[in-house]
Amino acid sequence: MATVTSTIDVDAPISTVYNQWTQFETFPQFMSGVESIVQTSDTATAWKVSIAGVEREFDAEIVEQHPDERVAWKSTEGEEHSGVVTFHRLDDNTTRVALQLTWTPTGIVEKVGALLQVDDIQIDRDLKKFKELVESNGFETGAWRGEVDRAPDSTGR
């Protein structure tokens, strides 16, 4: 499994930043490699990605979501992929976004890219584009503020 973590501070209120992140179908505007995301229900998405010429498709489910705090997802079909993004209020007009993605690289190109940390560089660039999108708009293009509680784990929590 490969894991990438990255953070960025966005000059916008936490609700604006969170609301924009929940607009999954806009991810291609700031995430290179994401061709499209179709949200098929409140918690289900269908992804098409193309990275280094390798095309992949997978379905993902939002497994936890709390407004202005976090969104977590995992793949349900196709590529093995999961992630969590958290939102931290630094002050009234600054929000820290922390992103962690985990996936299983397949094929030599993806394995070498993960080994050389090319993915880390790309995620940093993508978060900078997200920051620019939010700050240049000055507002979110939509919002979904529903709650999704995490399923109990083996300890019953």
N, C-alpha and C. Protein backbone atom coordinates (compact mmCIF):
# COMPACT_ATOMS: atom_id res chain seq x y z
N MET A 1 0.84 -1.18 0.00
CA MET A 1 0.00 0.00 0.00
C MET A 1 0.88 1.25 0.00
N ALA A 2 0.47 2.23 -0.75
CA ALA A 2 1.15 3.53 -0.76
C ALA A 2 0.28 4.53 -0.02
N THR A 3 0.92 5.42 0.72
CA THR A 3 0.19 6.43 1.47
C THR A 3 0.84 7.79 1.23
N VAL A 4 0.00 8.79 1.02
CA VAL A 4 0.44 10.16 0.86
C VAL A 4 -0.30 11.01 1.88
N THR A 5 0.41 11.88 2.55
CA THR A 5 -0.21 12.85 3.43
C THR A 5 0.28 14.24 3.05
N SER A 6 -0.63 15.21 3.15
CA SER A 6 -0.28 16.57 2.80
C SER A 6 -1.22 17.52 3.53
N THR A 7 -0.73 18.71 3.83
CA THR A 7 -1.57 19.75 4.44
C THR A 7 -1.36 21.06 3.71
N ILE A 8 -2.38 21.90 3.80
CA ILE A 8 -2.27 23.25 3.25
C ILE A 8 -3.21 24.16 4.03
N ASP A 9 -2.82 25.41 4.18
CA ASP A 9 -3.65 26.41 4.83
C ASP A 9 -4.35 27.23 3.76
N VAL A 10 -5.68 27.33 3.89
CA VAL A 10 -6.50 28.04 2.92
C VAL A 10 -7.06 29.29 3.59
N ASP A 11 -6.93 30.42 2.93
CA ASP A 11 -7.43 31.68 3.47
C ASP A 11 -8.91 31.82 3.18
N ALA A 12 -9.69 31.06 3.95
CA ALA A 12 -11.15 31.09 3.86
C ALA A 12 -11.72 30.44 5.13
N PRO A 13 -12.94 30.80 5.50
CA PRO A 13 -13.55 30.19 6.68
C PRO A 13 -13.72 28.68 6.51
N ILE A 14 -13.72 27.97 7.62
CA ILE A 14 -13.78 26.51 7.59
C ILE A 14 -15.02 26.00 6.86
N SER A 15 -16.17 26.64 7.04
CA SER A 15 -17.38 26.15 6.38
C SER A 15 -17.28 26.28 4.86
N THR A 16 -16.66 27.35 4.38
CA THR A 16 -16.48 27.53 2.94
C THR A 16 -15.57 26.46 2.38
N VAL A 17 -14.46 26.19 3.05
CA VAL A 17 -13.49 25.20 2.59
C VAL A 17 -14.13 23.81 2.61
N TYR A 18 -14.77 23.46 3.71
CA TYR A 18 -15.44 22.16 3.83
C TYR A 18 -16.51 22.00 2.74
N ASN A 19 -17.36 23.01 2.60
CA ASN A 19 -18.44 22.93 1.62
C ASN A 19 -17.91 22.69 0.21
N GLN A 20 -16.82 23.38 -0.15
CA GLN A 20 -16.25 23.17 -1.49
C GLN A 20 -15.73 21.76 -1.64
N TRP A 21 -15.08 21.22 -0.60
CA TRP A 21 -14.55 19.86 -0.70
C TRP A 21 -15.66 18.85 -0.96
N THR A 22 -16.84 19.08 -0.41
CA THR A 22 -17.94 18.11 -0.58
C THR A 22 -18.53 18.12 -1.99
N GLN A 23 -18.04 18.99 -2.83
CA GLN A 23 -18.49 19.03 -4.23
C GLN A 23 -17.58 18.12 -5.06
N PHE A 24 -17.74 16.82 -4.86
CA PHE A 24 -16.82 15.83 -5.42
C PHE A 24 -16.73 15.91 -6.95
N GLU A 25 -17.81 16.26 -7.60
CA GLU A 25 -17.79 16.31 -9.07
C GLU A 25 -16.91 17.44 -9.59
N THR A 26 -16.48 18.37 -8.72
CA THR A 26 -15.57 19.44 -9.15
C THR A 26 -14.11 19.05 -8.97
N PHE A 27 -13.81 17.87 -8.41
CA PHE A 27 -12.43 17.48 -8.18
C PHE A 27 -11.54 17.57 -9.43
N PRO A 28 -12.04 17.27 -10.63
CA PRO A 28 -11.17 17.40 -11.81
C PRO A 28 -10.64 18.82 -12.03
N GLN A 29 -11.28 19.83 -11.43
CA GLN A 29 -10.80 21.20 -11.56
C GLN A 29 -9.48 21.41 -10.84
N PHE A 30 -9.21 20.62 -9.82
CA PHE A 30 -7.98 20.83 -9.06
C PHE A 30 -7.16 19.56 -8.85
N MET A 31 -7.70 18.40 -9.14
CA MET A 31 -6.94 17.17 -8.96
C MET A 31 -6.53 16.60 -10.31
N SER A 32 -5.25 16.74 -10.61
CA SER A 32 -4.76 16.17 -11.86
C SER A 32 -4.90 14.66 -11.77
N GLY A 33 -5.20 14.06 -12.86
CA GLY A 33 -5.37 12.61 -12.87
C GLY A 33 -6.80 12.17 -12.64
N VAL A 34 -7.62 13.01 -12.03
CA VAL A 34 -9.03 12.67 -11.85
C VAL A 34 -9.77 13.15 -13.09
N GLU A 35 -10.24 12.19 -13.87
CA GLU A 35 -10.98 12.51 -15.09
C GLU A 35 -12.41 12.93 -14.76
N SER A 36 -13.05 12.17 -13.86
CA SER A 36 -14.41 12.50 -13.47
C SER A 36 -14.77 11.78 -12.18
N ILE A 37 -15.71 12.39 -11.47
CA ILE A 37 -16.35 11.76 -10.32
C ILE A 37 -17.84 12.03 -10.47
N VAL A 38 -18.60 10.96 -10.39
CA VAL A 38 -20.06 11.08 -10.43
C VAL A 38 -20.58 10.65 -9.07
N GLN A 39 -21.31 11.55 -8.43
CA GLN A 39 -21.90 11.21 -7.13
C GLN A 39 -23.26 10.58 -7.41
N THR A 40 -23.37 9.29 -7.08
CA THR A 40 -24.59 8.54 -7.40
C THR A 40 -25.59 8.51 -6.26
N SER A 41 -25.16 8.86 -5.05
CA SER A 41 -26.05 9.02 -3.89
C SER A 41 -25.31 9.90 -2.89
N ASP A 42 -25.93 10.14 -1.73
CA ASP A 42 -25.26 10.97 -0.71
C ASP A 42 -23.91 10.41 -0.30
N THR A 43 -23.74 9.08 -0.38
CA THR A 43 -22.50 8.46 0.10
C THR A 43 -21.76 7.65 -0.95
N ALA A 44 -22.23 7.63 -2.19
CA ALA A 44 -21.59 6.80 -3.22
C ALA A 44 -21.07 7.67 -4.37
N THR A 45 -19.84 7.35 -4.82
CA THR A 45 -19.23 8.04 -5.94
C THR A 45 -18.60 7.04 -6.89
N ALA A 46 -18.56 7.40 -8.16
CA ALA A 46 -17.89 6.59 -9.19
C ALA A 46 -16.76 7.44 -9.76
N TRP A 47 -15.53 6.93 -9.68
CA TRP A 47 -14.33 7.66 -10.07
C TRP A 47 -13.75 7.10 -11.37
N LYS A 48 -13.23 8.00 -12.20
CA LYS A 48 -12.40 7.65 -13.35
C LYS A 48 -11.13 8.47 -13.21
N VAL A 49 -9.99 7.77 -13.20
CA VAL A 49 -8.71 8.45 -13.06
C VAL A 49 -7.77 8.00 -14.17
N SER A 50 -6.83 8.86 -14.50
CA SER A 50 -5.80 8.55 -15.48
C SER A 50 -4.49 9.15 -14.97
N ILE A 51 -3.58 8.27 -14.57
CA ILE A 51 -2.31 8.72 -14.02
C ILE A 51 -1.19 8.08 -14.80
N ALA A 52 -0.33 8.91 -15.35
CA ALA A 52 0.80 8.45 -16.19
C ALA A 52 0.31 7.55 -17.30
N GLY A 53 -0.84 7.90 -17.88
CA GLY A 53 -1.38 7.14 -18.99
C GLY A 53 -2.10 5.87 -18.60
N VAL A 54 -2.17 5.57 -17.30
CA VAL A 54 -2.86 4.37 -16.84
C VAL A 54 -4.25 4.78 -16.36
N GLU A 55 -5.28 4.23 -17.01
CA GLU A 55 -6.64 4.57 -16.65
C GLU A 55 -7.21 3.55 -15.69
N ARG A 56 -7.93 4.04 -14.70
CA ARG A 56 -8.56 3.19 -13.68
C ARG A 56 -9.95 3.73 -13.38
N GLU A 57 -10.81 2.83 -12.96
CA GLU A 57 -12.14 3.20 -12.50
C GLU A 57 -12.40 2.47 -11.19
N PHE A 58 -13.09 3.14 -10.28
CA PHE A 58 -13.50 2.49 -9.04
C PHE A 58 -14.68 3.23 -8.44
N ASP A 59 -15.43 2.51 -7.65
CA ASP A 59 -16.53 3.10 -6.89
C ASP A 59 -16.05 3.29 -5.46
N ALA A 60 -16.51 4.35 -4.83
CA ALA A 60 -16.12 4.63 -3.45
C ALA A 60 -17.34 5.02 -2.64
N GLU A 61 -17.26 4.75 -1.36
CA GLU A 61 -18.32 5.06 -0.42
C GLU A 61 -17.77 5.99 0.65
N ILE A 62 -18.54 7.02 0.98
CA ILE A 62 -18.18 7.87 2.11
C ILE A 62 -18.53 7.09 3.37
N VAL A 63 -17.53 6.83 4.18
CA VAL A 63 -17.73 6.01 5.37
C VAL A 63 -17.82 6.83 6.65
N GLU A 64 -17.45 8.10 6.56
CA GLU A 64 -17.59 9.00 7.71
C GLU A 64 -17.58 10.43 7.19
N GLN A 65 -18.50 11.23 7.72
CA GLN A 65 -18.55 12.63 7.31
C GLN A 65 -19.18 13.44 8.43
N HIS A 66 -18.46 14.48 8.84
CA HIS A 66 -18.95 15.40 9.87
C HIS A 66 -18.64 16.81 9.40
N PRO A 67 -19.67 17.63 9.19
CA PRO A 67 -19.46 18.97 8.65
C PRO A 67 -18.39 19.75 9.41
N ASP A 68 -17.54 20.41 8.62
CA ASP A 68 -16.46 21.26 9.10
C ASP A 68 -15.39 20.49 9.87
N GLU A 69 -15.42 19.15 9.83
CA GLU A 69 -14.43 18.34 10.54
C GLU A 69 -13.71 17.35 9.64
N ARG A 70 -14.45 16.42 8.99
CA ARG A 70 -13.78 15.35 8.25
C ARG A 70 -14.71 14.69 7.25
N VAL A 71 -14.06 14.14 6.22
CA VAL A 71 -14.72 13.27 5.25
C VAL A 71 -13.76 12.11 5.01
N ALA A 72 -14.27 10.88 5.15
CA ALA A 72 -13.46 9.68 4.91
C ALA A 72 -14.19 8.79 3.92
N TRP A 73 -13.42 8.13 3.05
CA TRP A 73 -14.01 7.27 2.02
C TRP A 73 -13.13 6.05 1.80
N LYS A 74 -13.72 5.05 1.16
CA LYS A 74 -12.97 3.86 0.76
C LYS A 74 -13.61 3.30 -0.50
N SER A 75 -12.80 2.64 -1.30
CA SER A 75 -13.32 2.04 -2.52
C SER A 75 -14.15 0.82 -2.17
N THR A 76 -15.16 0.58 -2.99
CA THR A 76 -16.02 -0.59 -2.79
C THR A 76 -15.89 -1.57 -3.95
N GLU A 77 -15.50 -1.06 -5.11
CA GLU A 77 -15.28 -1.89 -6.30
C GLU A 77 -14.17 -1.27 -7.13
N GLY A 78 -13.41 -2.11 -7.80
CA GLY A 78 -12.32 -1.61 -8.64
C GLY A 78 -11.06 -1.45 -7.84
N GLU A 79 -10.34 -0.39 -8.09
CA GLU A 79 -9.05 -0.14 -7.44
C GLU A 79 -9.18 -0.03 -5.93
N GLU A 80 -8.17 -0.49 -5.21
CA GLU A 80 -8.14 -0.35 -3.76
C GLU A 80 -7.66 1.06 -3.43
N HIS A 81 -8.52 1.84 -2.77
CA HIS A 81 -8.27 3.26 -2.55
C HIS A 81 -9.05 3.70 -1.32
N SER A 82 -8.44 4.52 -0.47
CA SER A 82 -9.16 5.11 0.65
C SER A 82 -8.51 6.45 0.99
N GLY A 83 -9.24 7.24 1.75
CA GLY A 83 -8.69 8.53 2.13
C GLY A 83 -9.50 9.19 3.22
N VAL A 84 -8.90 10.20 3.80
CA VAL A 84 -9.57 11.04 4.79
C VAL A 84 -9.04 12.45 4.64
N VAL A 85 -9.93 13.41 4.73
CA VAL A 85 -9.54 14.81 4.74
C VAL A 85 -10.14 15.43 5.99
N THR A 86 -9.31 16.18 6.72
CA THR A 86 -9.79 16.84 7.93
C THR A 86 -9.60 18.35 7.77
N PHE A 87 -10.45 19.08 8.47
CA PHE A 87 -10.48 20.53 8.38
C PHE A 87 -10.26 21.10 9.78
N HIS A 88 -9.32 22.04 9.88
CA HIS A 88 -8.94 22.60 11.18
C HIS A 88 -9.03 24.12 11.12
N ARG A 89 -9.85 24.68 11.99
CA ARG A 89 -10.01 26.14 12.05
C ARG A 89 -8.79 26.75 12.72
N LEU A 90 -8.04 27.55 11.98
CA LEU A 90 -6.89 28.24 12.55
C LEU A 90 -7.30 29.61 13.10
N ASP A 91 -8.20 30.27 12.38
CA ASP A 91 -8.84 31.50 12.86
C ASP A 91 -10.10 31.67 12.01
N ASP A 92 -10.79 32.78 12.15
CA ASP A 92 -12.07 32.96 11.45
C ASP A 92 -11.95 32.85 9.93
N ASN A 93 -10.78 33.16 9.39
CA ASN A 93 -10.62 33.19 7.93
C ASN A 93 -9.48 32.32 7.42
N THR A 94 -9.04 31.36 8.21
CA THR A 94 -7.97 30.46 7.77
C THR A 94 -8.29 29.04 8.22
N THR A 95 -8.18 28.11 7.28
CA THR A 95 -8.49 26.71 7.54
C THR A 95 -7.34 25.84 7.07
N ARG A 96 -6.92 24.92 7.91
CA ARG A 96 -5.91 23.93 7.51
C ARG A 96 -6.64 22.69 7.00
N VAL A 97 -6.23 22.26 5.82
CA VAL A 97 -6.77 21.04 5.21
C VAL A 97 -5.66 19.99 5.28
N ALA A 98 -5.98 18.85 5.87
CA ALA A 98 -5.02 17.74 5.96
C ALA A 98 -5.61 16.55 5.21
N LEU A 99 -4.87 16.05 4.24
CA LEU A 99 -5.34 14.97 3.37
C LEU A 99 -4.43 13.77 3.49
N GLN A 100 -5.04 12.60 3.60
CA GLN A 100 -4.29 11.34 3.58
C GLN A 100 -4.97 10.40 2.59
N LEU A 101 -4.20 9.91 1.64
CA LEU A 101 -4.69 8.95 0.64
C LEU A 101 -3.89 7.67 0.73
N THR A 102 -4.56 6.55 0.59
CA THR A 102 -3.91 5.25 0.59
C THR A 102 -4.45 4.44 -0.58
N TRP A 103 -3.56 3.77 -1.30
CA TRP A 103 -3.97 2.93 -2.42
C TRP A 103 -2.93 1.86 -2.64
N THR A 104 -3.30 0.90 -3.47
CA THR A 104 -2.39 -0.18 -3.82
C THR A 104 -1.88 0.06 -5.23
N PRO A 105 -0.62 0.43 -5.39
CA PRO A 105 -0.06 0.61 -6.73
C PRO A 105 -0.03 -0.73 -7.47
N THR A 106 -0.42 -0.68 -8.72
CA THR A 106 -0.33 -1.87 -9.56
C THR A 106 0.48 -1.51 -10.79
N GLY A 107 1.25 -2.42 -11.27
CA GLY A 107 2.08 -2.16 -12.44
C GLY A 107 3.36 -1.44 -12.06
N ILE A 108 4.33 -1.54 -12.91
CA ILE A 108 5.66 -1.01 -12.64
C ILE A 108 5.67 0.51 -12.54
N VAL A 109 4.91 1.20 -13.40
CA VAL A 109 4.91 2.67 -13.40
C VAL A 109 4.39 3.19 -12.06
N GLU A 110 3.29 2.63 -11.57
CA GLU A 110 2.72 3.09 -10.32
C GLU A 110 3.62 2.75 -9.14
N LYS A 111 4.22 1.58 -9.16
CA LYS A 111 5.10 1.18 -8.06
C LYS A 111 6.35 2.06 -8.00
N VAL A 112 6.93 2.36 -9.15
CA VAL A 112 8.10 3.24 -9.18
C VAL A 112 7.71 4.65 -8.76
N GLY A 113 6.56 5.13 -9.23
CA GLY A 113 6.09 6.46 -8.85
C GLY A 113 5.91 6.58 -7.35
N ALA A 114 5.33 5.55 -6.73
CA ALA A 114 5.15 5.56 -5.27
C ALA A 114 6.50 5.53 -4.56
N LEU A 115 7.40 4.72 -5.06
CA LEU A 115 8.72 4.59 -4.45
C LEU A 115 9.50 5.91 -4.51
N LEU A 116 9.38 6.61 -5.62
CA LEU A 116 10.08 7.88 -5.81
C LEU A 116 9.32 9.07 -5.24
N GLN A 117 8.18 8.81 -4.64
CA GLN A 117 7.32 9.82 -4.02
C GLN A 117 6.81 10.86 -5.01
N VAL A 118 6.63 10.45 -6.25
CA VAL A 118 6.04 11.32 -7.25
C VAL A 118 4.61 11.68 -6.84
N ASP A 119 3.93 10.72 -6.23
CA ASP A 119 2.55 10.94 -5.80
C ASP A 119 2.47 12.05 -4.75
N ASP A 120 3.43 12.11 -3.85
CA ASP A 120 3.45 13.15 -2.82
C ASP A 120 3.52 14.54 -3.46
N ILE A 121 4.37 14.68 -4.45
CA ILE A 121 4.54 15.95 -5.14
C ILE A 121 3.23 16.35 -5.83
N GLN A 122 2.58 15.36 -6.47
CA GLN A 122 1.35 15.66 -7.18
C GLN A 122 0.23 16.05 -6.23
N ILE A 123 0.11 15.37 -5.11
CA ILE A 123 -0.94 15.72 -4.14
C ILE A 123 -0.70 17.12 -3.58
N ASP A 124 0.55 17.48 -3.31
CA ASP A 124 0.86 18.84 -2.86
C ASP A 124 0.40 19.86 -3.91
N ARG A 125 0.66 19.57 -5.17
CA ARG A 125 0.23 20.49 -6.25
C ARG A 125 -1.29 20.58 -6.32
N ASP A 126 -1.95 19.42 -6.17
CA ASP A 126 -3.41 19.41 -6.24
C ASP A 126 -4.02 20.22 -5.09
N LEU A 127 -3.47 20.11 -3.90
CA LEU A 127 -3.99 20.90 -2.78
C LEU A 127 -3.75 22.40 -3.00
N LYS A 128 -2.63 22.75 -3.63
CA LYS A 128 -2.40 24.16 -3.97
C LYS A 128 -3.46 24.66 -4.95
N LYS A 129 -3.84 23.81 -5.91
CA LYS A 129 -4.90 24.19 -6.85
C LYS A 129 -6.24 24.34 -6.14
N PHE A 130 -6.50 23.45 -5.17
CA PHE A 130 -7.74 23.57 -4.38
C PHE A 130 -7.75 24.90 -3.62
N LYS A 131 -6.64 25.24 -3.00
CA LYS A 131 -6.50 26.50 -2.27
C LYS A 131 -6.79 27.68 -3.21
N GLU A 132 -6.18 27.65 -4.40
CA GLU A 132 -6.38 28.72 -5.37
C GLU A 132 -7.84 28.81 -5.80
N LEU A 133 -8.49 27.66 -5.99
CA LEU A 133 -9.90 27.64 -6.39
C LEU A 133 -10.77 28.31 -5.33
N VAL A 134 -10.60 27.91 -4.08
CA VAL A 134 -11.42 28.46 -3.00
C VAL A 134 -11.13 29.94 -2.80
N GLU A 135 -9.85 30.30 -2.76
CA GLU A 135 -9.50 31.69 -2.50
C GLU A 135 -9.89 32.61 -3.65
N SER A 136 -9.77 32.15 -4.88
CA SER A 136 -10.13 33.01 -6.02
C SER A 136 -11.64 33.18 -6.14
N ASN A 137 -12.40 32.12 -5.81
CA ASN A 137 -13.86 32.23 -5.84
C ASN A 137 -14.36 33.09 -4.68
N GLY A 138 -13.78 32.86 -3.50
CA GLY A 138 -14.24 33.57 -2.32
C GLY A 138 -15.51 32.97 -1.72
N PHE A 139 -16.00 31.90 -2.34
CA PHE A 139 -17.21 31.23 -1.87
C PHE A 139 -17.20 29.80 -2.39
N GLU A 140 -18.02 28.95 -1.79
CA GLU A 140 -18.13 27.58 -2.27
C GLU A 140 -19.14 27.49 -3.39
N THR A 141 -18.99 26.50 -4.25
CA THR A 141 -19.91 26.33 -5.38
C THR A 141 -21.08 25.43 -5.02
N GLY A 142 -21.13 24.96 -3.81
CA GLY A 142 -22.21 24.10 -3.33
C GLY A 142 -21.83 23.55 -1.98
N ALA A 143 -22.71 22.72 -1.43
CA ALA A 143 -22.41 22.12 -0.12
C ALA A 143 -23.28 20.91 0.10
N TRP A 144 -22.73 19.95 0.81
CA TRP A 144 -23.52 18.86 1.37
C TRP A 144 -23.05 18.70 2.79
N ARG A 145 -23.92 19.00 3.73
CA ARG A 145 -23.51 19.05 5.13
C ARG A 145 -24.13 17.90 5.93
N GLY A 146 -24.42 16.80 5.25
CA GLY A 146 -24.98 15.64 5.93
C GLY A 146 -23.96 14.96 6.82
N GLU A 147 -24.44 14.18 7.76
CA GLU A 147 -23.60 13.42 8.68
C GLU A 147 -23.58 11.96 8.23
N VAL A 148 -22.42 11.35 8.29
CA VAL A 148 -22.26 9.92 8.07
C VAL A 148 -21.41 9.43 9.23
N ASP A 149 -22.00 8.60 10.07
CA ASP A 149 -21.26 8.08 11.21
C ASP A 149 -20.46 6.86 10.82
N ARG A 150 -19.28 6.77 11.38
CA ARG A 150 -18.38 5.64 11.14
C ARG A 150 -19.02 4.38 11.71
N ALA A 151 -18.90 3.28 10.98
CA ALA A 151 -19.40 2.00 11.47
C ALA A 151 -18.58 1.56 12.68
N PRO A 152 -19.19 0.87 13.62
CA PRO A 152 -18.42 0.40 14.78
C PRO A 152 -17.30 -0.54 14.33
N ASP A 153 -16.16 -0.43 14.98
CA ASP A 153 -15.07 -1.33 14.64
C ASP A 153 -15.16 -2.57 15.54
N SER A 154 -14.15 -3.38 15.52
CA SER A 154 -14.21 -4.64 16.25
C SER A 154 -14.28 -4.46 17.76
N THR A 155 -13.98 -3.26 18.24
CA THR A 155 -14.07 -3.01 19.69
C THR A 155 -15.45 -2.49 20.08
N GLY A 156 -16.32 -2.28 19.08
CA GLY A 156 -17.67 -1.80 19.37
C GLY A 156 -17.79 -0.31 19.51
N ARG A 157 -16.73 0.42 19.17
CA ARG A 157 -16.78 1.88 19.26
C ARG A 157 -17.32 2.50 18.01
